[in-house]
C-alpha atoms as a PDB file:
ATOM      1  CA  UNK A   1     140.726  31.094  86.406  1.00  0.00           C
ATOM      2  CA  UNK A   2     144.782  31.386  88.005  1.00  0.00           C
ATOM      3  CA  UNK A   3     145.693  28.960  90.192  1.00  0.00           C
ATOM      4  CA  UNK A   4     146.724  30.388  93.841  1.00  0.00           C
ATOM      5  CA  UNK A   5     150.132  28.934  95.158  1.00  0.00           C
ATOM      6  CA  UNK A   6     150.881  28.950  98.437  1.00  0.00           C
ATOM      7  CA  UNK A   7     153.344  31.406 100.279  1.00  0.00           C
ATOM      8  CA  UNK A   8     153.647  29.686 103.319  1.00  0.00           C
ATOM      9  CA  UNK A   9     156.870  27.128 103.189  1.00  0.00           C
ATOM     10  CA  UNK A  10     156.465  23.931 104.724  1.00  0.00           C
ATOM     11  CA  UNK A  11     157.536  23.249 108.452  1.00  0.00           C
ATOM     12  CA  UNK A  12     160.970  22.451 109.631  1.00  0.00           C
ATOM     13  CA  UNK A  13     161.326  18.430 110.454  1.00  0.00           C
ATOM     14  CA  UNK A  14     162.181  17.562 114.149  1.00  0.00           C
ATOM     15  CA  UNK A  15     165.230  15.908 112.053  1.00  0.00           C
ATOM     16  CA  UNK A  16     166.397  19.424 110.744  1.00  0.00           C
ATOM     17  CA  UNK A  17     165.072  21.313 114.940  1.00  0.00           C
ATOM     18  CA  UNK A  18     167.625  18.911 116.454  1.00  0.00           C
ATOM     19  CA  UNK A  19     170.816  19.326 114.096  1.00  0.00           C
ATOM     20  CA  UNK A  20     170.682  22.660 114.708  1.00  0.00           C
ATOM     21  CA  UNK A  21     170.346  22.502 118.690  1.00  0.00           C
ATOM     22  CA  UNK A  22     173.278  20.121 118.915  1.00  0.00           C
ATOM     23  CA  UNK A  23     175.099  22.788 116.181  1.00  0.00           C
ATOM     24  CA  UNK A  24     174.809  25.237 118.861  1.00  0.00           C
ATOM     25  CA  UNK A  25     175.495  23.487 121.651  1.00  0.00           C
ATOM     26  CA  UNK A  26     178.421  22.179 120.148  1.00  0.00           C
ATOM     27  CA  UNK A  27     179.480  25.181 119.087  1.00  0.00           C
ATOM     28  CA  UNK A  28     179.154  27.123 122.368  1.00  0.00           C
ATOM     29  CA  UNK A  29     181.076  24.022 123.845  1.00  0.00           C
ATOM     30  CA  UNK A  30     184.143  24.892 121.785  1.00  0.00           C
ATOM     31  CA  UNK A  31     183.800  28.221 122.492  1.00  0.00           C
ATOM     32  CA  UNK A  32     183.870  27.799 125.962  1.00  0.00           C
ATOM     33  CA  UNK A  33     186.506  29.661 127.875  1.00  0.00           C
ATOM     34  CA  UNK A  34     189.967  27.322 129.405  1.00  0.00           C
ATOM     35  CA  UNK A  35     189.409  26.418 133.461  1.00  0.00           C
ATOM     36  CA  UNK A  36     191.038  29.507 135.393  1.00  0.00           C
ATOM     37  CA  UNK A  37     193.453  28.472 138.019  1.00  0.00           C
ATOM     38  CA  UNK A  38     193.982  29.866 141.141  1.00  0.00           C
ATOM     39  CA  UNK A  39     197.807  29.669 140.525  1.00  0.00           C
ATOM     40  CA  UNK A  40     199.839  30.532 137.280  1.00  0.00           C
ATOM     41  CA  UNK A  41     200.138  28.370 134.908  1.00  0.00           C
ATOM     42  CA  UNK A  42     202.246  25.214 134.595  1.00  0.00           C
ATOM     43  CA  UNK A  43     202.261  25.958 130.934  1.00  0.00           C
ATOM     44  CA  UNK A  44     204.871  25.798 128.470  1.00  0.00           C
ATOM     45  CA  UNK A  45     206.676  29.578 129.120  1.00  0.00           C
ATOM     46  CA  UNK A  46     209.503  29.262 131.805  1.00  0.00           C
ATOM     47  CA  UNK A  47     213.160  29.696 132.627  1.00  0.00           C
ATOM     48  CA  UNK A  48     216.018  27.718 133.491  1.00  0.00           C
ATOM     49  CA  UNK A  49     217.733  27.876 136.846  1.00  0.00           C
ATOM     50  CA  UNK A  50     220.433  26.771 139.288  1.00  0.00           C
ATOM     51  CA  UNK A  51     219.886  26.996 143.332  1.00  0.00           C
ATOM     52  CA  UNK A  52     222.250  25.965 146.128  1.00  0.00           C
ATOM     53  CA  UNK A  53     221.148  23.572 148.699  1.00  0.00           C
ATOM     54  CA  UNK A  54     223.452  22.066 151.990  1.00  0.00           C
ATOM     55  CA  UNK A  55     226.127  19.815 151.683  1.00  0.00           C
ATOM     56  CA  UNK A  56     226.967  21.169 148.343  1.00  0.00           C
ATOM     57  CA  UNK A  57     224.057  19.849 146.504  1.00  0.00           C
ATOM     58  CA  UNK A  58     222.250  21.509 143.973  1.00  0.00           C
ATOM     59  CA  UNK A  59     218.621  21.740 142.094  1.00  0.00           C
ATOM     60  CA  UNK A  60     218.246  23.221 138.458  1.00  0.00           C
ATOM     61  CA  UNK A  61     216.718  22.671 135.079  1.00  0.00           C
ATOM     62  CA  UNK A  62     213.693  24.233 133.777  1.00  0.00           C
ATOM     63  CA  UNK A  63     210.175  25.404 135.400  1.00  0.00           C
ATOM     64  CA  UNK A  64     207.033  26.691 134.090  1.00  0.00           C
ATOM     65  CA  UNK A  65     206.314  30.495 134.927  1.00  0.00           C
ATOM     66  CA  UNK A  66     206.280  31.483 139.040  1.00  0.00           C
ATOM     67  CA  UNK A  67     206.625  28.003 139.813  1.00  0.00           C
ATOM     68  CA  UNK A  68     209.793  27.270 142.495  1.00  0.00           C
ATOM     69  CA  UNK A  69     211.728  24.962 143.447  1.00  0.00           C
ATOM     70  CA  UNK A  70     211.695  25.784 147.914  1.00  0.00           C
ATOM     71  CA  UNK A  71     214.770  23.010 148.877  1.00  0.00           C
ATOM     72  CA  UNK A  72     217.532  25.324 149.471  1.00  0.00           C
ATOM     73  CA  UNK A  73     216.878  24.321 152.856  1.00  0.00           C
ATOM     74  CA  UNK A  74     217.079  20.700 152.189  1.00  0.00           C
ATOM     75  CA  UNK A  75     220.963  18.632 151.622  1.00  0.00           C
ATOM     76  CA  UNK A  76     219.249  17.555 147.276  1.00  0.00           C
ATOM     77  CA  UNK A  77     220.419  16.844 144.298  1.00  0.00           C
ATOM     78  CA  UNK A  78     218.056  16.964 141.163  1.00  0.00           C
ATOM     79  CA  UNK A  79     217.401  18.644 137.846  1.00  0.00           C
ATOM     80  CA  UNK A  80     214.085  19.519 136.385  1.00  0.00           C
ATOM     81  CA  UNK A  81     213.521  19.555 132.990  1.00  0.00           C
ATOM     82  CA  UNK A  82     210.842  20.110 129.966  1.00  0.00           C
ATOM     83  CA  UNK A  83     208.900  17.949 128.724  1.00  0.00           C
ATOM     84  CA  UNK A  84     207.524  17.913 124.768  1.00  0.00           C
ATOM     85  CA  UNK A  85     204.571  15.190 125.869  1.00  0.00           C
ATOM     86  CA  UNK A  86     202.627  16.612 127.471  1.00  0.00           C
ATOM     87  CA  UNK A  87     198.796  14.625 127.780  1.00  0.00           C
ATOM     88  CA  UNK A  88     197.900  17.597 126.788  1.00  0.00           C
ATOM     89  CA  UNK A  89     198.760  20.483 124.902  1.00  0.00           C
ATOM     90  CA  UNK A  90     198.135  23.627 126.275  1.00  0.00           C
ATOM     91  CA  UNK A  91     199.340  22.288 129.245  1.00  0.00           C
ATOM     92  CA  UNK A  92     203.402  22.592 130.180  1.00  0.00           C
ATOM     93  CA  UNK A  93     204.835  19.107 131.326  1.00  0.00           C
ATOM     94  CA  UNK A  94     207.779  18.410 133.469  1.00  0.00           C
ATOM     95  CA  UNK A  95     210.586  15.730 134.456  1.00  0.00           C
ATOM     96  CA  UNK A  96     211.439  15.779 138.163  1.00  0.00           C
ATOM     97  CA  UNK A  97     214.447  13.706 138.790  1.00  0.00           C
ATOM     98  CA  UNK A  98     215.595  13.186 142.181  1.00  0.00           C
ATOM     99  CA  UNK A  99     219.505  12.785 142.219  1.00  0.00           C
ATOM    100  CA  UNK A 100     220.118  12.674 145.697  1.00  0.00           C
ATOM    101  CA  UNK A 101     218.581  12.414 148.957  1.00  0.00           C
ATOM    102  CA  UNK A 102     221.022  13.371 152.520  1.00  0.00           C
ATOM    103  CA  UNK A 103     218.412  15.363 154.856  1.00  0.00           C
ATOM    104  CA  UNK A 104     215.007  16.291 154.048  1.00  0.00           C
ATOM    105  CA  UNK A 105     212.739  16.234 150.492  1.00  0.00           C
ATOM    106  CA  UNK A 106     212.511  18.139 147.663  1.00  0.00           C
ATOM    107  CA  UNK A 107     209.345  20.576 147.220  1.00  0.00           C
ATOM    108  CA  UNK A 108     207.542  22.274 143.946  1.00  0.00           C
ATOM    109  CA  UNK A 109     205.427  25.040 144.940  1.00  0.00           C
ATOM    110  CA  UNK A 110     204.349  28.563 144.199  1.00  0.00           C
ATOM    111  CA  UNK A 111     205.092  31.887 145.738  1.00  0.00           C
ATOM    112  CA  UNK A 112     202.209  33.404 143.508  1.00  0.00           C
ATOM    113  CA  UNK A 113     198.515  33.154 143.036  1.00  0.00           C
ATOM    114  CA  UNK A 114     196.087  32.320 145.681  1.00  0.00           C
ATOM    115  CA  UNK A 115     197.302  31.204 149.392  1.00  0.00           C
ATOM    116  CA  UNK A 116     194.292  31.842 151.296  1.00  0.00           C
ATOM    117  CA  UNK A 117     192.013  28.744 151.494  1.00  0.00           C
ATOM    118  CA  UNK A 118     188.202  29.797 153.128  1.00  0.00           C
ATOM    119  CA  UNK A 119     186.720  27.210 155.380  1.00  0.00           C
ATOM    120  CA  UNK A 120     184.154  25.101 153.822  1.00  0.00           C
ATOM    121  CA  UNK A 121     184.489  25.837 150.435  1.00  0.00           C
ATOM    122  CA  UNK A 122     185.949  22.528 148.053  1.00  0.00           C
ATOM    123  CA  UNK A 123     189.230  23.486 146.212  1.00  0.00           C
ATOM    124  CA  UNK A 124     190.300  20.861 143.626  1.00  0.00           C
ATOM    125  CA  UNK A 125     193.320  19.908 142.653  1.00  0.00           C
ATOM    126  CA  UNK A 126     193.847  18.430 139.095  1.00  0.00           C
ATOM    127  CA  UNK A 127     197.125  17.660 136.679  1.00  0.00           C
ATOM    128  CA  UNK A 128     198.707  14.471 135.742  1.00  0.00           C
ATOM    129  CA  UNK A 129     201.538  12.413 136.744  1.00  0.00           C
ATOM    130  CA  UNK A 130     203.822   9.407 135.553  1.00  0.00           C
ATOM    131  CA  UNK A 131     206.423   8.189 137.164  1.00  0.00           C
ATOM    132  CA  UNK A 132     208.686   5.430 135.200  1.00  0.00           C
ATOM    133  CA  UNK A 133     210.430   3.948 138.666  1.00  0.00           C
ATOM    134  CA  UNK A 134     206.826   4.372 140.170  1.00  0.00           C
ATOM    135  CA  UNK A 135     208.735   7.355 142.546  1.00  0.00           C
ATOM    136  CA  UNK A 136     205.289   8.087 144.607  1.00  0.00           C
ATOM    137  CA  UNK A 137     204.953  11.990 145.148  1.00  0.00           C
ATOM    138  CA  UNK A 138     202.988  13.558 147.692  1.00  0.00           C
ATOM    139  CA  UNK A 139     200.329  16.485 146.928  1.00  0.00           C
ATOM    140  CA  UNK A 140     199.274  18.650 149.825  1.00  0.00           C
ATOM    141  CA  UNK A 141     198.083  22.252 151.374  1.00  0.00           C
ATOM    142  CA  UNK A 142     201.161  23.360 153.497  1.00  0.00           C
ATOM    143  CA  UNK A 143     201.618  25.719 155.940  1.00  0.00           C
ATOM    144  CA  UNK A 144     203.100  29.377 154.742  1.00  0.00           C
ATOM    145  CA  UNK A 145     205.122  28.981 158.252  1.00  0.00           C
ATOM    146  CA  UNK A 146     206.545  27.342 161.336  1.00  0.00           C
ATOM    147  CA  UNK A 147     205.984  23.861 162.391  1.00  0.00           C
ATOM    148  CA  UNK A 148     205.349  23.979 158.297  1.00  0.00           C
ATOM    149  CA  UNK A 149     203.109  20.879 158.579  1.00  0.00           C
ATOM    150  CA  UNK A 150     199.874  19.766 155.723  1.00  0.00           C
ATOM    151  CA  UNK A 151     196.834  21.420 156.685  1.00  0.00           C
ATOM    152  CA  UNK A 152     195.186  18.264 153.551  1.00  0.00           C
ATOM    153  CA  UNK A 153     197.592  15.953 151.164  1.00  0.00           C
ATOM    154  CA  UNK A 154     197.304  12.960 149.495  1.00  0.00           C
ATOM    155  CA  UNK A 155     200.136   9.998 148.277  1.00  0.00           C
ATOM    156  CA  UNK A 156     200.065  10.569 144.380  1.00  0.00           C
ATOM    157  CA  UNK A 157     200.640   6.925 142.773  1.00  0.00           C
ATOM    158  CA  UNK A 158     201.944   6.513 139.311  1.00  0.00           C
ATOM    159  CA  UNK A 159     203.514   4.595 136.847  1.00  0.00           C
ATOM    160  CA  UNK A 160     204.964   4.492 133.403  1.00  0.00           C
ATOM    161  CA  UNK A 161     201.611   6.113 131.665  1.00  0.00           C
ATOM    162  CA  UNK A 162     200.326   9.641 132.241  1.00  0.00           C
ATOM    163  CA  UNK A 163     197.732   9.721 134.684  1.00  0.00           C
ATOM    164  CA  UNK A 164     195.814  12.130 135.636  1.00  0.00           C
ATOM    165  CA  UNK A 165     194.684  12.685 139.340  1.00  0.00           C
ATOM    166  CA  UNK A 166     192.271  15.144 141.234  1.00  0.00           C
ATOM    167  CA  UNK A 167     193.139  15.838 144.844  1.00  0.00           C
ATOM    168  CA  UNK A 168     189.310  17.632 146.391  1.00  0.00           C
ATOM    169  CA  UNK A 169     189.991  19.367 149.838  1.00  0.00           C
ATOM    170  CA  UNK A 170     187.530  21.322 151.861  1.00  0.00           C
ATOM    171  CA  UNK A 171     189.190  23.635 155.158  1.00  0.00           C
ATOM    172  CA  UNK A 172     187.452  22.813 158.310  1.00  0.00           C
ATOM    173  CA  UNK A 173     188.877  26.827 159.088  1.00  0.00           C
ATOM    174  CA  UNK A 174     190.261  29.566 157.276  1.00  0.00           C
ATOM    175  CA  UNK A 175     193.863  29.150 156.564  1.00  0.00           C
ATOM    176  CA  UNK A 176     197.241  30.175 154.455  1.00  0.00           C
ATOM    177  CA  UNK A 177     199.012  27.637 152.669  1.00  0.00           C
ATOM    178  CA  UNK A 178     201.249  26.862 149.614  1.00  0.00           C
ATOM    179  CA  UNK A 179     199.913  24.073 146.879  1.00  0.00           C
ATOM    180  CA  UNK A 180     202.968  21.838 147.667  1.00  0.00           C
ATOM    181  CA  UNK A 181     205.007  18.453 145.584  1.00  0.00           C
ATOM    182  CA  UNK A 182     206.997  16.368 147.793  1.00  0.00           C
ATOM    183  CA  UNK A 183     209.608  13.929 147.033  1.00  0.00           C
ATOM    184  CA  UNK A 184     211.307  12.744 149.481  1.00  0.00           C
ATOM    185  CA  UNK A 185     213.878   9.801 147.827  1.00  0.00           C
ATOM    186  CA  UNK A 186     214.942   9.052 144.649  1.00  0.00           C
ATOM    187  CA  UNK A 187     213.231   8.660 142.046  1.00  0.00           C
ATOM    188  CA  UNK A 188     212.161  10.046 138.808  1.00  0.00           C
ATOM    189  CA  UNK A 189     208.535  11.983 138.640  1.00  0.00           C
ATOM    190  CA  UNK A 190     206.795  13.524 136.041  1.00  0.00           C
ATOM    191  CA  UNK A 191     204.134  16.569 136.525  1.00  0.00           C
ATOM    192  CA  UNK A 192     202.064  18.039 133.795  1.00  0.00           C
ATOM    193  CA  UNK A 193     198.951  20.522 133.783  1.00  0.00           C
ATOM    194  CA  UNK A 194     198.485  20.915 136.955  1.00  0.00           C
ATOM    195  CA  UNK A 195     194.923  23.472 137.693  1.00  0.00           C
ATOM    196  CA  UNK A 196     193.474  24.443 141.285  1.00  0.00           C
ATOM    197  CA  UNK A 197     189.957  25.452 141.272  1.00  0.00           C
ATOM    198  CA  UNK A 198     187.395  26.331 143.570  1.00  0.00           C
ATOM    199  CA  UNK A 199     184.298  24.097 143.701  1.00  0.00           C
ATOM    200  CA  UNK A 200     180.197  25.358 143.849  1.00  0.00           C
END
C-alpha cells in the first residue's frame, strides 16, 4: 500500500507573521516622502549676494535659494556664511554674524512660497538653531505692509550645540505675512533646515 504524503505546508508561526508585518511597516516608513514646506526649501543650493544697507553698512554672504536678507533699510553690517555641519544632511545651514547695529535690525525671510495664513488653521515652523555666544533670535509671522508688526512671534534661545525648535501659531483671522528671523544686536546665530507646514 502506498503512503500518502500531505501537500499542505505547515501554518506560519506567529513570529514569522510578526516579522513580515514589521518589515512592511519599516519599508513603508523608509519610502515616506520628505516633509513638504510651504516655503522654499532651506537647503544646500543657494547663491552669494552683497547688499548695501544704510549709512555705508553692508550685508553680504550666502543664502539658500529664494531666501533673502531684508536689511537694506537698516544701519546694520552682517555676513551670512554657508555651513557644512547641518544636523540633517539634507538640510541647509547658515551662520548669521551681525557685526554692527547702529539702527534697526537684521531680517531674514523669503518673498516666495506661502504668504496667506488662514483663520483657525494651525501652522508649525521647525528647524534648528545654534549660537556660540548665546545670541537670541526672534522668529515670527510679520505683516507684509505698514506698520510691519508681528501677528505671532517667539524668542528662540540658543546655545553652542544645535537645538531643534518648534514654533506653532493659529491665526485668529485670515492674514498675509512673511515668516521672518530677526536679530536686533551684534552676535552670531546659526539656522538650519527651516520648514513651515500646515497641521490638521
